[in-house]
Amino acid sequence: MGSSKLLVAFALVITLSISYDHLSGIGINAIVLPPDCFNDKPCNIAFNNQACNKMCRGMSYKDGRCTDPELIPPYFWRCCCNPK
């Protein structure tokens, strides 16, 4: 009886680890992102400060906007850091 419980527990752990690997591989993960840059609005100068530069650290810059290079397209631009 004890060995069957151990076998069931082992199978459950293996199944959960495989499921987690598949979910993270298709981009289902929770990350905190800075505010969006909207296409119809220019970047807000309020985000061009030290706090925004901290949020955008490690991201790619283009035209004063930053995006996470690891995201799968379509990319979502983030407002608005000074790349200097």
C-alpha atoms as a PDB file:
ATOM      1  CA  MET A   1       0.000   0.000   0.000  1.00  0.00           C
ATOM      2  CA  GLY A   2       2.840   2.395   0.873  1.00  0.00           C
ATOM      3  CA  SER A   3       4.668   1.791  -2.387  1.00  0.00           C
ATOM      4  CA  SER A   4       1.540   2.482  -4.454  1.00  0.00           C
ATOM      5  CA  LYS A   5       1.113   5.871  -2.730  1.00  0.00           C
ATOM      6  CA  LEU A   6       4.740   6.648  -3.447  1.00  0.00           C
ATOM      7  CA  LEU A   7       4.286   5.678  -7.093  1.00  0.00           C
ATOM      8  CA  VAL A   8       1.188   7.887  -7.421  1.00  0.00           C
ATOM      9  CA  ALA A   9       2.988  10.814  -5.766  1.00  0.00           C
ATOM     10  CA  PHE A  10       5.980  10.353  -8.072  1.00  0.00           C
ATOM     11  CA  ALA A  11       3.744  10.236 -11.172  1.00  0.00           C
ATOM     12  CA  LEU A  12       1.944  13.392 -10.025  1.00  0.00           C
ATOM     13  CA  VAL A  13       5.206  15.288  -9.527  1.00  0.00           C
ATOM     14  CA  ILE A  14       6.460  14.245 -12.974  1.00  0.00           C
ATOM     15  CA  THR A  15       3.165  15.256 -14.614  1.00  0.00           C
ATOM     16  CA  LEU A  16       3.169  18.670 -12.930  1.00  0.00           C
ATOM     17  CA  SER A  17       6.765  19.370 -13.890  1.00  0.00           C
ATOM     18  CA  ILE A  18       6.095  18.465 -17.539  1.00  0.00           C
ATOM     19  CA  SER A  19       2.953  20.627 -17.581  1.00  0.00           C
ATOM     20  CA  TYR A  20       4.843  23.597 -16.140  1.00  0.00           C
ATOM     21  CA  ASP A  21       7.576  23.219 -18.748  1.00  0.00           C
ATOM     22  CA  HIS A  22       5.015  23.257 -21.583  1.00  0.00           C
ATOM     23  CA  LEU A  23       3.184  26.289 -20.192  1.00  0.00           C
ATOM     24  CA  SER A  24       6.329  28.344 -19.729  1.00  0.00           C
ATOM     25  CA  GLY A  25       7.533  27.333 -23.204  1.00  0.00           C
ATOM     26  CA  ILE A  26       4.508  28.879 -24.919  1.00  0.00           C
ATOM     27  CA  GLY A  27       4.879  32.200 -23.161  1.00  0.00           C
ATOM     28  CA  ILE A  28       2.426  31.791 -20.309  1.00  0.00           C
ATOM     29  CA  ASN A  29       4.346  33.517 -17.570  1.00  0.00           C
ATOM     30  CA  ALA A  30       3.683  36.435 -15.291  1.00  0.00           C
ATOM     31  CA  ILE A  31       6.001  39.397 -15.583  1.00  0.00           C
ATOM     32  CA  VAL A  32       5.614  42.961 -14.390  1.00  0.00           C
ATOM     33  CA  LEU A  33       5.959  45.476 -17.192  1.00  0.00           C
ATOM     34  CA  PRO A  34       6.199  49.261 -17.252  1.00  0.00           C
ATOM     35  CA  PRO A  35       3.312  51.286 -18.736  1.00  0.00           C
ATOM     36  CA  ASP A  36       2.430  50.814 -22.410  1.00  0.00           C
ATOM     37  CA  CYS A  37       3.377  53.183 -25.208  1.00  0.00           C
ATOM     38  CA  PHE A  38       0.311  53.718 -27.330  1.00  0.00           C
ATOM     39  CA  ASN A  39       0.689  54.167 -31.075  1.00  0.00           C
ATOM     40  CA  ASP A  40      -1.616  57.198 -31.200  1.00  0.00           C
ATOM     41  CA  LYS A  41       0.084  59.028 -28.315  1.00  0.00           C
ATOM     42  CA  PRO A  42       3.660  60.217 -28.051  1.00  0.00           C
ATOM     43  CA  CYS A  43       5.749  59.026 -25.151  1.00  0.00           C
ATOM     44  CA  ASN A  44       4.915  60.747 -21.913  1.00  0.00           C
ATOM     45  CA  ILE A  45       7.811  62.794 -20.577  1.00  0.00           C
ATOM     46  CA  ALA A  46       6.788  61.782 -17.042  1.00  0.00           C
ATOM     47  CA  PHE A  47       8.215  58.318 -17.631  1.00  0.00           C
ATOM     48  CA  ASN A  48      11.553  59.742 -18.780  1.00  0.00           C
ATOM     49  CA  ASN A  49      13.082  59.565 -15.325  1.00  0.00           C
ATOM     50  CA  GLN A  50      15.168  57.385 -13.021  1.00  0.00           C
ATOM     51  CA  ALA A  51      12.221  55.131 -12.044  1.00  0.00           C
ATOM     52  CA  CYS A  52      11.494  54.333 -15.677  1.00  0.00           C
ATOM     53  CA  ASN A  53      15.142  53.644 -16.387  1.00  0.00           C
ATOM     54  CA  LYS A  54      15.080  51.065 -13.574  1.00  0.00           C
ATOM     55  CA  MET A  55      11.974  49.400 -15.048  1.00  0.00           C
ATOM     56  CA  CYS A  56      13.508  49.305 -18.522  1.00  0.00           C
ATOM     57  CA  ARG A  57      16.899  47.934 -17.486  1.00  0.00           C
ATOM     58  CA  GLY A  58      17.848  44.967 -19.654  1.00  0.00           C
ATOM     59  CA  MET A  59      15.361  45.843 -22.379  1.00  0.00           C
ATOM     60  CA  SER A  60      16.006  46.909 -25.972  1.00  0.00           C
ATOM     61  CA  TYR A  61      15.708  50.595 -26.861  1.00  0.00           C
ATOM     62  CA  LYS A  62      14.347  52.172 -30.022  1.00  0.00           C
ATOM     63  CA  ASP A  63      13.144  55.758 -30.507  1.00  0.00           C
ATOM     64  CA  GLY A  64      13.054  56.442 -26.772  1.00  0.00           C
ATOM     65  CA  ARG A  65      10.932  53.385 -26.074  1.00  0.00           C
ATOM     66  CA  CYS A  66      11.939  50.074 -24.611  1.00  0.00           C
ATOM     67  CA  THR A  67      10.758  46.527 -25.152  1.00  0.00           C
ATOM     68  CA  ASP A  68      11.654  43.178 -23.652  1.00  0.00           C
ATOM     69  CA  PRO A  69      13.769  41.355 -26.267  1.00  0.00           C
ATOM     70  CA  GLU A  70      12.705  37.945 -24.930  1.00  0.00           C
ATOM     71  CA  LEU A  71       9.011  38.454 -25.670  1.00  0.00           C
ATOM     72  CA  ILE A  72       7.479  36.685 -28.640  1.00  0.00           C
ATOM     73  CA  PRO A  73       6.224  39.074 -31.381  1.00  0.00           C
ATOM     74  CA  PRO A  74       4.109  41.139 -31.494  1.00  0.00           C
ATOM     75  CA  TYR A  75       6.211  43.274 -29.191  1.00  0.00           C
ATOM     76  CA  PHE A  76       4.554  45.634 -26.753  1.00  0.00           C
ATOM     77  CA  TRP A  77       6.398  48.928 -26.452  1.00  0.00           C
ATOM     78  CA  ARG A  78       6.941  50.344 -23.005  1.00  0.00           C
ATOM     79  CA  CYS A  79       7.067  54.065 -22.167  1.00  0.00           C
ATOM     80  CA  CYS A  80       9.373  55.866 -22.000  1.00  0.00           C
ATOM     81  CA  CYS A  81      13.011  55.816 -21.092  1.00  0.00           C
ATOM     82  CA  ASN A  82      15.903  57.926 -22.139  1.00  0.00           C
ATOM     83  CA  PRO A  83      18.392  55.475 -23.663  1.00  0.00           C
ATOM     84  CA  LYS A  84      21.291  57.837 -22.854  1.00  0.00           C
END
